[in-house]
Protein backbone atom coordinates (compact mmCIF):
# COMPACT_ATOMS: atom_id res chain seq x y z
CA MET A 1 -87.64 19.62 15.33
CA GLY A 2 -84.44 21.40 15.45
CA LEU A 3 -82.39 18.18 16.45
CA GLY A 4 -83.75 16.52 13.92
CA ALA A 5 -82.43 19.20 11.40
CA CYS A 6 -78.68 19.22 12.61
CA SER A 7 -78.62 15.23 12.44
CA LYS A 8 -77.11 13.85 9.10
CA SER A 9 -78.24 10.73 6.85
CA PRO A 10 -75.85 7.67 7.00
CA SER A 11 -75.67 8.46 3.01
CA GLU A 12 -74.14 11.55 4.55
CA THR A 13 -71.79 10.09 7.16
CA ASP A 14 -70.40 7.81 5.05
CA ALA A 15 -69.68 10.29 2.15
CA ALA A 16 -67.88 12.51 4.49
CA ALA A 17 -65.81 9.31 6.07
CA GLU A 18 -64.70 8.57 1.93
CA GLU A 19 -63.62 12.24 1.72
CA THR A 20 -61.36 11.88 5.18
CA LYS A 21 -60.30 8.80 4.05
CA THR A 22 -59.08 10.10 0.32
CA ALA A 23 -57.41 13.11 1.54
CA LYS A 24 -55.21 10.95 3.97
CA LYS A 25 -54.05 8.42 0.98
CA PHE A 26 -50.06 8.12 0.81
CA SER A 27 -48.12 10.35 -1.57
CA LEU A 28 -44.37 11.30 -1.11
CA SER A 29 -43.96 15.04 -1.94
CA ASP A 30 -41.81 16.32 -4.24
CA GLN A 31 -39.01 17.72 -1.48
CA THR A 32 -39.08 14.33 0.36
CA LEU A 33 -38.87 12.36 -3.29
CA LYS A 34 -35.50 14.58 -3.54
CA GLU A 35 -34.24 13.69 -0.11
CA LEU A 36 -34.47 9.71 -1.10
CA ALA A 37 -32.31 7.65 -2.89
CA PHE A 38 -32.93 4.51 -4.15
CA ASP A 39 -31.26 0.90 -5.33
CA THR A 40 -32.65 -2.50 -6.02
CA VAL A 41 -32.31 -6.20 -4.36
CA ARG A 42 -30.14 -8.26 -5.56
CA LEU A 43 -29.21 -11.80 -6.08
CA GLU A 44 -25.59 -12.20 -5.06
CA PRO A 45 -23.38 -14.86 -3.85
CA VAL A 46 -22.53 -14.65 0.10
CA GLN A 47 -19.42 -13.43 1.39
CA SER A 48 -17.88 -14.05 4.46
CA GLU A 49 -15.39 -12.00 6.31
CA GLN A 50 -12.65 -12.26 8.94
CA SER A 51 -11.24 -9.88 10.50
CA PHE A 52 -7.37 -9.13 11.39
CA SER A 53 -4.94 -7.00 13.21
CA GLY A 54 -1.94 -6.02 11.14
CA GLN A 55 0.90 -3.37 10.32
CA VAL A 56 1.49 -1.40 7.47
CA THR A 57 4.79 -2.33 5.80
CA THR A 58 7.33 -1.34 2.90
CA ASN A 59 7.14 -3.15 0.10
CA GLY A 60 10.01 -4.98 0.07
CA ASP A 61 10.55 -5.66 -3.60
CA LYS A 62 10.96 -1.66 -3.84
CA THR A 63 13.16 -1.40 -0.42
CA ALA A 64 16.60 -0.46 -0.25
CA LYS A 65 19.06 -0.74 2.54
CA ILE A 66 22.33 1.40 2.24
CA PHE A 67 25.87 0.87 3.16
CA PRO A 68 29.32 2.95 2.75
CA LEU A 69 31.39 0.70 0.97
CA VAL A 70 34.46 2.54 2.84
CA GLY A 71 35.32 4.12 5.86
CA GLY A 72 35.94 7.30 7.08
CA VAL A 73 34.31 10.39 8.42
CA VAL A 74 31.06 11.96 7.24
CA GLU A 75 31.93 15.24 5.40
CA LYS A 76 28.43 16.36 4.10
CA LEU A 77 24.88 15.03 5.10
CA ASN A 78 22.49 15.93 2.46
CA VAL A 79 18.97 14.13 3.45
CA GLU A 80 16.89 13.81 6.75
CA LEU A 81 14.32 11.52 7.40
CA GLY A 82 11.36 11.45 5.61
CA ASP A 83 12.98 12.93 2.44
CA HIS A 84 11.97 11.85 -0.63
CA VAL A 85 15.15 11.67 -2.86
CA SER A 86 15.59 10.40 -6.55
CA LYS A 87 17.91 7.84 -8.05
CA GLY A 88 21.49 8.61 -8.30
CA GLN A 89 20.78 11.78 -5.78
CA VAL A 90 23.62 12.46 -3.47
CA LEU A 91 22.79 11.29 0.11
CA ALA A 92 26.19 11.98 2.31
CA VAL A 93 30.00 12.42 1.31
CA VAL A 94 32.76 10.92 2.88
CA ARG A 95 36.07 11.64 3.17
CA SER A 96 38.07 8.66 3.03
CA GLY A 97 41.49 7.25 3.26
CA GLU A 98 40.82 4.30 2.01
CA ILE A 99 39.85 6.49 -0.92
CA ALA A 100 42.63 8.37 -0.72
CA ASP A 101 45.11 5.00 -0.92
CA VAL A 102 42.73 4.02 -3.68
CA GLN A 103 43.72 6.87 -5.41
CA ASN A 104 47.08 7.30 -4.89
CA GLN A 105 47.65 3.74 -6.51
CA ASN A 106 45.97 4.29 -9.12
CA SER A 107 48.05 7.08 -9.93
CA THR A 108 51.17 5.09 -9.16
CA ALA A 109 49.73 2.43 -11.55
CA GLY A 110 49.64 4.99 -13.64
CA THR A 111 52.73 6.02 -13.91
CA ASP A 112 54.30 2.69 -14.31
CA VAL A 113 52.46 1.72 -17.19
CA ALA A 114 53.93 4.94 -18.46
CA ILE A 115 57.55 3.56 -17.79
CA ALA A 116 56.74 0.12 -18.69
CA GLN A 117 55.82 0.99 -22.20
CA LYS A 118 58.85 3.30 -22.35
CA ASN A 119 61.15 0.45 -21.56
CA LEU A 120 59.20 -1.90 -23.83
CA SER A 121 59.69 0.89 -26.60
CA VAL A 122 63.40 0.90 -25.91
CA ALA A 123 63.75 -2.69 -25.51
CA GLU A 124 62.16 -3.21 -28.83
CA ASP A 125 64.58 -0.35 -30.38
CA GLN A 126 67.55 -2.47 -28.76
CA TYR A 127 66.46 -5.79 -29.98
CA LYS A 128 66.29 -4.40 -33.53
CA ALA A 129 69.38 -2.89 -33.59
CA GLY A 130 71.16 -6.06 -32.00
CA LEU A 131 72.05 -4.78 -28.53
CA ALA A 132 69.47 -6.59 -26.94
CA ALA A 133 68.41 -10.13 -26.70
CA GLU A 134 64.42 -11.35 -27.10
CA ARG A 135 64.61 -12.08 -23.97
CA ASP A 136 64.40 -8.55 -23.14
CA VAL A 137 62.00 -7.35 -24.96
CA VAL A 138 59.98 -10.55 -23.83
CA LEU A 139 60.60 -9.18 -19.92
CA ALA A 140 59.26 -5.61 -20.45
CA ARG A 141 56.39 -6.61 -22.48
CA GLU A 142 55.17 -8.52 -19.02
CA GLU A 143 56.25 -5.69 -16.50
CA LEU A 144 54.09 -3.40 -18.96
CA ARG A 145 51.20 -6.08 -18.67
CA LYS A 146 51.53 -6.10 -15.08
CA ALA A 147 51.77 -2.47 -14.64
CA GLN A 148 48.12 -1.86 -16.86
CA SER A 149 46.66 -4.86 -14.72
CA ASN A 150 47.33 -2.59 -11.51
CA LEU A 151 45.94 0.35 -13.31
CA GLY A 152 43.08 -1.50 -14.16
CA LYS A 153 42.18 -2.81 -10.89
CA THR A 154 42.51 0.48 -9.51
CA GLY A 155 40.53 2.16 -11.92
CA LYS A 156 37.70 -0.54 -11.01
CA GLN A 157 37.83 0.40 -7.57
CA LEU A 158 37.19 3.93 -8.36
CA GLY A 159 34.41 3.51 -10.76
CA ILE A 160 32.46 1.06 -7.77
CA TYR A 161 33.17 4.27 -5.31
CA GLY A 162 31.74 6.43 -7.32
CA VAL A 163 34.63 9.05 -6.04
CA SER A 164 33.67 12.47 -6.82
CA LYS A 165 37.48 14.13 -5.35
CA ASP A 166 40.67 13.15 -4.24
CA GLY A 167 40.02 11.13 -1.11
CA HIS A 168 36.17 11.41 -0.94
CA TYR A 169 33.46 9.18 -1.48
CA GLU A 170 29.86 10.36 -2.69
CA ILE A 171 26.81 7.69 -1.10
CA LYS A 172 24.00 7.85 -3.86
CA ALA A 173 20.25 6.57 -4.16
CA PRO A 174 19.96 3.38 -6.11
CA ILE A 175 16.28 3.86 -6.00
CA SER A 176 13.87 6.33 -5.93
CA GLY A 177 11.92 6.84 -2.77
CA PHE A 178 11.39 7.88 0.92
CA ILE A 179 14.16 8.14 3.43
CA THR A 180 12.47 5.39 6.50
CA ASP A 181 15.53 5.18 8.02
CA LYS A 182 18.51 7.30 8.88
CA ASN A 183 21.49 5.43 11.31
CA VAL A 184 24.26 8.70 10.63
CA THR A 185 25.20 11.99 11.30
CA GLN A 186 27.18 14.53 9.85
CA GLY A 187 30.63 14.31 11.16
CA MET A 188 30.39 10.68 12.25
CA GLN A 189 33.55 8.62 11.97
CA TYR A 190 33.35 4.82 11.08
CA SER A 191 34.83 1.89 9.73
CA THR A 192 33.11 -0.42 7.29
CA SER A 193 33.36 -3.40 10.29
CA ASN A 194 31.26 -1.42 12.54
CA VAL A 195 28.54 0.24 10.47
CA ASP A 196 24.77 -0.24 11.85
CA GLY A 197 23.06 -3.35 11.22
CA ASP A 198 20.00 -1.72 9.33
CA GLY A 199 22.86 0.34 7.15
CA PHE A 200 23.51 4.34 6.66
CA PHE A 201 19.77 4.94 4.98
CA THR A 202 16.93 2.97 3.99
CA ILE A 203 15.11 4.27 0.85
CA ALA A 204 11.19 3.21 0.48
CA ASP A 205 8.79 3.44 -2.77
CA LEU A 206 6.01 4.45 -1.16
CA ASP A 207 3.47 4.22 -4.34
CA GLN A 208 2.79 0.76 -3.04
CA VAL A 209 3.07 -1.15 0.14
CA TRP A 210 2.31 -4.03 2.02
CA VAL A 211 -0.20 -4.93 5.04
CA LEU A 212 1.14 -7.79 7.16
CA ALA A 213 -2.32 -9.34 8.74
CA ASN A 214 -1.93 -11.59 11.48
CA VAL A 215 -4.11 -14.80 11.03
CA PHE A 216 -4.61 -17.23 14.08
CA GLU A 217 -4.62 -20.74 13.60
CA SER A 218 -8.43 -21.06 14.05
CA ASP A 219 -9.12 -18.75 10.96
CA ILE A 220 -5.79 -20.12 8.65
CA ALA A 221 -8.50 -22.35 6.68
CA ASN A 222 -10.53 -19.38 5.62
CA VAL A 223 -7.39 -17.45 4.18
CA LYS A 224 -6.32 -17.67 0.74
CA LEU A 225 -4.39 -16.50 -2.18
CA GLY A 226 -6.75 -13.87 -4.14
CA TYR A 227 -9.26 -12.99 -1.49
CA GLN A 228 -10.22 -9.43 -1.27
CA ALA A 229 -9.12 -7.54 1.95
CA ASP A 230 -10.94 -4.12 3.04
CA ILE A 231 -8.23 -2.42 5.63
CA THR A 232 -9.46 0.28 7.69
CA THR A 233 -6.18 2.60 9.51
CA LEU A 234 -6.82 5.00 12.99
CA SER A 235 -5.67 7.46 10.87
CA TYR A 236 -8.32 7.38 8.44
CA PRO A 237 -11.45 5.37 10.10
CA ASP A 238 -13.71 6.30 7.55
CA LYS A 239 -11.65 4.99 4.47
CA HIS A 240 -11.01 2.00 2.94
CA PHE A 241 -8.42 1.13 1.13
CA LYS A 242 -9.23 -2.45 -1.05
CA GLY A 243 -6.44 -4.85 -1.80
CA VAL A 244 -5.86 -8.82 -2.57
CA VAL A 245 -4.19 -11.21 -0.25
CA ASP A 246 -0.74 -11.94 -2.46
CA LYS A 247 1.05 -14.47 -0.50
CA VAL A 248 0.32 -16.64 2.20
CA PHE A 249 3.84 -16.98 4.29
CA ASN A 250 3.32 -20.66 5.59
CA VAL A 251 5.15 -20.15 8.77
CA LEU A 252 3.54 -19.29 12.01
CA ASP A 253 5.64 -16.63 14.33
CA PRO A 254 6.86 -18.41 17.39
CA ASP A 255 5.86 -15.96 19.44
CA SER A 256 2.44 -14.98 18.53
CA LYS A 257 1.63 -18.32 17.13
CA ALA A 258 0.14 -16.00 14.29
CA LEU A 259 0.42 -16.90 10.45
CA LYS A 260 1.25 -13.60 8.66
CA VAL A 261 -0.64 -13.16 5.62
CA ARG A 262 0.37 -9.95 2.61
CA ILE A 263 -2.24 -8.09 1.17
CA ARG A 264 -0.68 -5.37 -1.68
CA LEU A 265 -2.16 -2.27 -1.64
CA THR A 266 -1.58 0.98 -4.05
CA ASN A 267 -0.79 3.93 -2.09
CA PRO A 268 -1.96 7.17 -3.51
CA GLY A 269 -1.32 10.62 -1.81
CA TYR A 270 1.36 8.24 0.53
CA LEU A 271 -1.96 8.07 3.16
CA LEU A 272 -0.47 4.69 4.48
CA LYS A 273 2.92 5.03 6.70
CA PRO A 274 5.18 1.91 7.50
CA GLU A 275 4.20 1.03 11.22
CA MET A 276 1.01 1.86 10.77
CA TYR A 277 -1.83 -0.33 12.77
CA ALA A 278 -4.32 -1.59 10.19
CA GLN A 279 -7.74 -3.68 10.74
CA VAL A 280 -8.20 -6.49 7.97
CA HIS A 281 -11.47 -7.80 6.71
CA ILE A 282 -10.48 -10.19 4.07
CA LEU A 283 -13.44 -11.53 2.03
CA ASN A 284 -14.48 -14.76 0.79
CA THR A 285 -17.31 -14.96 -1.80
CA GLU A 286 -19.30 -18.54 -1.12
CA LYS A 287 -20.98 -20.44 -3.96
CA GLN A 288 -24.77 -20.02 -1.99
CA LYS A 289 -26.17 -16.82 -3.32
CA GLU A 290 -28.74 -14.88 -1.26
CA LEU A 291 -30.55 -11.66 -1.76
CA ALA A 292 -28.45 -8.78 -1.02
CA VAL A 293 -29.47 -4.89 0.37
CA PRO A 294 -26.95 -2.23 0.84
CA ALA A 295 -26.72 -2.34 4.85
CA ASN A 296 -27.81 1.09 5.24
CA SER A 297 -31.58 0.45 3.89
CA VAL A 298 -32.55 -1.38 6.68
CA ILE A 299 -34.33 -0.68 9.48
CA PHE A 300 -34.60 -2.03 12.76
CA ASP A 301 -37.89 -1.33 15.03
CA LYS A 302 -39.74 -3.32 17.58
CA ASP A 303 -37.02 -6.06 17.45
CA GLN A 304 -37.98 -6.38 13.80
CA HIS A 305 -36.03 -5.36 10.11
CA PHE A 306 -37.73 -3.79 7.84
CA VAL A 307 -37.20 -2.83 4.08
CA LEU A 308 -39.13 -0.08 2.32
CA VAL A 309 -39.85 -1.10 -1.23
CA TYR A 310 -40.71 1.39 -3.53
CA LYS A 311 -43.39 1.29 -6.81
CA ASN A 312 -44.51 4.98 -7.04
CA ARG A 313 -44.76 7.91 -4.67
CA THR A 314 -47.95 6.98 -3.47
CA GLU A 315 -46.97 2.98 -3.17
CA VAL A 316 -44.28 2.18 -0.57
CA ASP A 317 -44.16 -0.91 1.06
CA THR A 318 -42.99 -1.77 4.40
CA ARG A 319 -41.19 -5.52 4.20
CA PRO A 320 -40.32 -7.46 7.05
CA VAL A 321 -36.84 -8.78 6.50
CA ALA A 322 -34.78 -11.80 8.81
CA VAL A 323 -31.23 -10.39 8.43
CA THR A 324 -28.70 -13.53 7.73
CA LYS A 325 -25.31 -11.52 7.47
CA THR A 326 -24.21 -8.06 7.02
CA VAL A 327 -20.94 -8.46 5.64
CA GLY A 328 -19.15 -4.18 5.27
CA ASN A 329 -21.85 -2.27 3.11
CA VAL A 330 -24.28 -5.07 2.45
CA SER A 331 -26.68 -6.90 4.60
CA TYR A 332 -28.11 -10.63 3.16
CA VAL A 333 -31.47 -11.05 3.86
CA ARG A 334 -34.39 -13.40 3.45
CA GLY A 335 -38.62 -12.66 3.49
CA ASN A 336 -40.65 -10.97 0.79
CA LEU A 337 -38.31 -9.63 -1.59
CA LYS A 338 -37.59 -10.21 -5.19
CA ALA A 339 -34.20 -9.35 -6.85
CA GLY A 340 -34.91 -6.66 -8.98
CA GLU A 341 -37.05 -5.02 -6.47
CA ALA A 342 -36.48 -0.90 -5.67
CA ILE A 343 -35.57 -0.27 -2.29
CA VAL A 344 -35.08 3.14 -0.41
CA THR A 345 -31.79 3.53 0.88
CA LYS A 346 -31.51 6.99 1.81
CA ASN A 347 -33.54 9.23 4.91
CA GLN A 348 -35.88 5.88 5.05
CA LEU A 349 -36.52 6.83 8.46
CA LEU A 350 -38.89 9.59 7.26
CA VAL A 351 -41.32 7.80 4.59
CA TYR A 352 -41.74 4.85 7.02
CA ASP A 353 -42.57 7.33 9.91
CA GLU A 354 -44.98 8.77 7.54
CA LEU A 355 -46.53 5.69 6.72
CA ASN A 356 -46.70 4.32 10.41
CA ASP A 357 -48.40 7.61 11.77
């Protein structure tokens, strides 16, 4: 009788099982919901991606090489490599014998003009008084014209040189930008015939830069004008710079056998420096469409990919998918999914583990 008193009837056992099942019903806690992020499944054109090596260069349309117009000795040097300069800023001052000669010629030409004007005045007075022939007046006018021509010529030369004082020539910045190359030192003596082939200075506006990518023959057909490009660098591996292919050079490099492709980029904060190595990902949008999800939403477990479809806090489905391609932060998938369904994109492993306990 004692054993019979401790046993449960079948109805009591079923009720207890049902109560346990109800107690274990899945539901996301408020705290877990706060830690999750969500996105939607989208039907998007498929993008293809090719990766190439490249290098950051200055924008050639906004780069200036500066050569001295006259020989001399660099008396003063006002800038260093890497300095930012403004248009018209004096970069260096040169003491030049050539400038001194032109200034002397200009001074002499000015004196000759004054003398020629005086001689013409005298000739005209004498002609009026009958003491000189008309030919003398004509000759005096011609001498004045020659003197004025010489004065104008030397004056233009001095204007081109931008002379600041006797025998000195100022080298000024033609554009605003950074000094990216410098081949001059203070006290250096030079002539215009032996100046470095790159000039004294190179100034580049780095608000916008170019990236030149090396595209090998097998990939040339996959890169065209207007394609989007994603750039990463060793210095900023987690930062992505976006640009567009704006020129295909159509000439293979004879040494590397690679085609140069140019991507134009804005350069906020001057993060990109000339000569930096770059990894270039060129994207091409294809005509076909597939379901797309954020790449970080995909879970890989037991040789299978999954995404978590969120309906409400008590309904989260684990859906197996096949990943056909991942381009950047987007994965293209096939499976039992529909465009517009909500999926978990952050801390989804917490939910996945709870669903599979």
